[in-house]
Amino acid sequence: MKTSVTRTSPMGRRGRKGRNISGILLLDKPAGITSNAALQTVKRLFDACKAGHTGSLDPLATGVLPLCF
């Protein structure tokens, strides 16, 4: 007789990669990079499991881009 074993985390969810960070970072976005590329770079630097931005700036635009963790 075969049995099937499902491995899950203690909370019953799949494990997330990264740290659980909560806060807002105001990023002075340089020209030549998209808002999403800037977000992904900062997310990797902070090793955050979740992150998002509150709006988009044109790749040629510079300015403040609020990032939420």
N, C-alpha and C. Protein backbone atom coordinates (compact mmCIF):
# COMPACT_ATOMS: atom_id res chain seq x y z
N MET A 1 0.83 -1.17 0.00
CA MET A 1 0.00 0.00 0.00
C MET A 1 0.89 1.24 0.00
N LYS A 2 0.60 2.19 -0.91
CA LYS A 2 1.38 3.42 -1.00
C LYS A 2 0.64 4.55 -0.30
N THR A 3 1.41 5.39 0.36
CA THR A 3 0.81 6.56 1.00
C THR A 3 1.44 7.81 0.41
N SER A 4 0.68 8.86 0.37
CA SER A 4 1.18 10.13 -0.18
C SER A 4 1.37 11.12 0.97
N VAL A 5 2.51 11.76 0.99
CA VAL A 5 2.81 12.73 2.03
C VAL A 5 2.98 14.09 1.37
N THR A 6 2.19 15.06 1.82
CA THR A 6 2.32 16.42 1.32
C THR A 6 3.06 17.24 2.34
N ARG A 7 4.13 17.87 1.92
CA ARG A 7 4.92 18.68 2.84
C ARG A 7 4.52 20.14 2.71
N THR A 8 4.13 20.74 3.82
CA THR A 8 3.78 22.15 3.85
C THR A 8 4.45 22.79 5.06
N SER A 9 4.45 24.10 5.06
CA SER A 9 5.00 24.82 6.20
C SER A 9 4.03 24.69 7.37
N PRO A 10 4.44 25.07 8.59
CA PRO A 10 3.57 24.94 9.76
C PRO A 10 2.25 25.70 9.62
N MET A 11 2.24 26.79 8.84
CA MET A 11 1.02 27.57 8.67
C MET A 11 0.16 27.03 7.52
N GLY A 12 0.63 26.00 6.83
CA GLY A 12 -0.14 25.43 5.74
C GLY A 12 0.03 26.16 4.43
N ARG A 13 0.95 27.11 4.35
CA ARG A 13 1.20 27.86 3.13
C ARG A 13 2.61 27.58 2.63
N ARG A 14 2.80 27.88 1.38
CA ARG A 14 4.15 27.76 0.84
C ARG A 14 5.02 28.84 1.44
N GLY A 15 6.29 28.54 1.64
CA GLY A 15 7.22 29.51 2.21
C GLY A 15 7.51 30.64 1.22
N ARG A 16 7.60 31.84 1.72
CA ARG A 16 7.93 32.98 0.88
C ARG A 16 9.43 33.22 0.93
N LYS A 17 9.94 33.71 -0.17
CA LYS A 17 11.34 34.08 -0.21
C LYS A 17 11.46 35.52 0.26
N GLY A 18 12.44 35.80 1.05
CA GLY A 18 12.68 37.16 1.49
C GLY A 18 12.15 37.45 2.88
N ARG A 19 12.46 38.67 3.31
CA ARG A 19 12.06 39.10 4.65
C ARG A 19 10.73 39.83 4.61
N ASN A 20 9.99 39.77 5.71
CA ASN A 20 8.74 40.48 5.83
C ASN A 20 9.03 41.90 6.31
N ILE A 21 9.00 42.86 5.40
CA ILE A 21 9.31 44.25 5.71
C ILE A 21 8.03 45.06 5.59
N SER A 22 7.83 46.03 6.47
CA SER A 22 6.65 46.88 6.42
C SER A 22 7.09 48.34 6.46
N GLY A 23 6.73 49.10 5.44
CA GLY A 23 7.08 50.52 5.42
C GLY A 23 7.02 51.10 4.02
N ILE A 24 7.41 52.37 3.92
CA ILE A 24 7.43 53.10 2.66
C ILE A 24 8.82 53.69 2.45
N LEU A 25 9.33 53.55 1.24
CA LEU A 25 10.62 54.11 0.87
C LEU A 25 10.39 55.10 -0.27
N LEU A 26 10.88 56.33 -0.10
CA LEU A 26 10.79 57.33 -1.16
C LEU A 26 12.06 57.27 -1.99
N LEU A 27 11.92 56.81 -3.22
CA LEU A 27 13.06 56.60 -4.11
C LEU A 27 13.14 57.73 -5.12
N ASP A 28 14.30 58.36 -5.26
CA ASP A 28 14.55 59.36 -6.29
C ASP A 28 14.96 58.60 -7.55
N LYS A 29 13.98 58.32 -8.41
CA LYS A 29 14.22 57.48 -9.58
C LYS A 29 15.01 58.24 -10.63
N PRO A 30 16.11 57.64 -11.10
CA PRO A 30 16.89 58.27 -12.17
C PRO A 30 16.25 58.04 -13.54
N ALA A 31 16.66 58.81 -14.51
CA ALA A 31 16.18 58.62 -15.88
C ALA A 31 16.79 57.36 -16.47
N GLY A 32 16.07 56.76 -17.41
CA GLY A 32 16.61 55.59 -18.11
C GLY A 32 16.27 54.25 -17.49
N ILE A 33 15.48 54.23 -16.43
CA ILE A 33 15.08 52.98 -15.78
C ILE A 33 13.57 53.03 -15.55
N THR A 34 12.90 51.92 -15.77
CA THR A 34 11.45 51.88 -15.56
C THR A 34 11.13 51.82 -14.07
N SER A 35 9.90 52.15 -13.73
CA SER A 35 9.48 52.09 -12.33
C SER A 35 9.56 50.66 -11.80
N ASN A 36 9.19 49.70 -12.63
CA ASN A 36 9.23 48.30 -12.19
C ASN A 36 10.67 47.82 -12.01
N ALA A 37 11.57 48.24 -12.90
CA ALA A 37 12.98 47.84 -12.75
C ALA A 37 13.56 48.43 -11.47
N ALA A 38 13.20 49.67 -11.15
CA ALA A 38 13.67 50.29 -9.91
C ALA A 38 13.11 49.53 -8.71
N LEU A 39 11.83 49.18 -8.77
CA LEU A 39 11.19 48.43 -7.68
C LEU A 39 11.87 47.09 -7.47
N GLN A 40 12.10 46.34 -8.54
CA GLN A 40 12.72 45.02 -8.42
C GLN A 40 14.14 45.10 -7.89
N THR A 41 14.88 46.14 -8.27
CA THR A 41 16.24 46.32 -7.76
C THR A 41 16.23 46.56 -6.25
N VAL A 42 15.35 47.46 -5.79
CA VAL A 42 15.26 47.76 -4.36
C VAL A 42 14.74 46.55 -3.59
N LYS A 43 13.78 45.84 -4.17
CA LYS A 43 13.24 44.64 -3.52
C LYS A 43 14.35 43.61 -3.30
N ARG A 44 15.21 43.45 -4.30
CA ARG A 44 16.34 42.51 -4.18
C ARG A 44 17.34 42.99 -3.14
N LEU A 45 17.64 44.30 -3.13
CA LEU A 45 18.61 44.84 -2.16
C LEU A 45 18.14 44.67 -0.72
N PHE A 46 16.83 44.85 -0.48
CA PHE A 46 16.28 44.71 0.86
C PHE A 46 15.88 43.26 1.17
N ASP A 47 15.95 42.37 0.19
CA ASP A 47 15.53 40.98 0.35
C ASP A 47 14.10 40.91 0.88
N ALA A 48 13.22 41.72 0.27
CA ALA A 48 11.82 41.79 0.71
C ALA A 48 10.99 40.73 -0.01
N CYS A 49 10.04 40.14 0.71
CA CYS A 49 9.19 39.13 0.09
C CYS A 49 8.10 39.78 -0.77
N LYS A 50 7.64 40.98 -0.41
CA LYS A 50 6.62 41.67 -1.19
C LYS A 50 6.98 43.15 -1.29
N ALA A 51 6.66 43.75 -2.44
CA ALA A 51 6.88 45.19 -2.63
C ALA A 51 6.03 45.66 -3.79
N GLY A 52 5.71 46.95 -3.79
CA GLY A 52 4.94 47.54 -4.87
C GLY A 52 5.20 49.03 -4.94
N HIS A 53 4.82 49.65 -6.07
CA HIS A 53 4.96 51.10 -6.17
C HIS A 53 3.58 51.71 -6.32
N THR A 54 3.44 52.98 -5.93
CA THR A 54 2.13 53.63 -5.90
C THR A 54 1.78 54.31 -7.21
N GLY A 55 2.64 54.28 -8.17
CA GLY A 55 2.39 54.89 -9.47
C GLY A 55 3.55 54.61 -10.38
N SER A 56 3.43 55.04 -11.62
CA SER A 56 4.50 54.80 -12.58
C SER A 56 5.07 56.11 -13.07
N LEU A 57 6.36 56.13 -13.28
CA LEU A 57 7.03 57.25 -13.92
C LEU A 57 7.58 56.76 -15.26
N ASP A 58 7.47 57.59 -16.26
CA ASP A 58 8.01 57.28 -17.58
C ASP A 58 9.50 56.97 -17.44
N PRO A 59 10.03 56.04 -18.23
CA PRO A 59 11.46 55.71 -18.13
C PRO A 59 12.38 56.93 -18.32
N LEU A 60 11.93 57.93 -19.06
CA LEU A 60 12.76 59.12 -19.27
C LEU A 60 12.59 60.15 -18.15
N ALA A 61 11.58 59.95 -17.30
CA ALA A 61 11.29 60.91 -16.23
C ALA A 61 12.12 60.62 -14.99
N THR A 62 12.41 61.67 -14.24
CA THR A 62 13.04 61.53 -12.93
C THR A 62 12.06 62.04 -11.90
N GLY A 63 12.22 61.61 -10.66
CA GLY A 63 11.34 62.10 -9.61
C GLY A 63 11.20 61.10 -8.49
N VAL A 64 10.33 61.46 -7.55
CA VAL A 64 10.12 60.61 -6.38
C VAL A 64 9.13 59.49 -6.71
N LEU A 65 9.53 58.28 -6.42
CA LEU A 65 8.69 57.10 -6.62
C LEU A 65 8.50 56.41 -5.29
N PRO A 66 7.30 56.52 -4.66
CA PRO A 66 7.07 55.85 -3.38
C PRO A 66 6.98 54.33 -3.57
N LEU A 67 7.78 53.60 -2.81
CA LEU A 67 7.77 52.13 -2.83
C LEU A 67 7.21 51.63 -1.51
N CYS A 68 6.26 50.72 -1.58
CA CYS A 68 5.62 50.18 -0.38
C CYS A 68 6.05 48.75 -0.15
N PHE A 69 6.38 48.45 1.11
CA PHE A 69 6.78 47.10 1.51
C PHE A 69 5.80 46.57 2.52
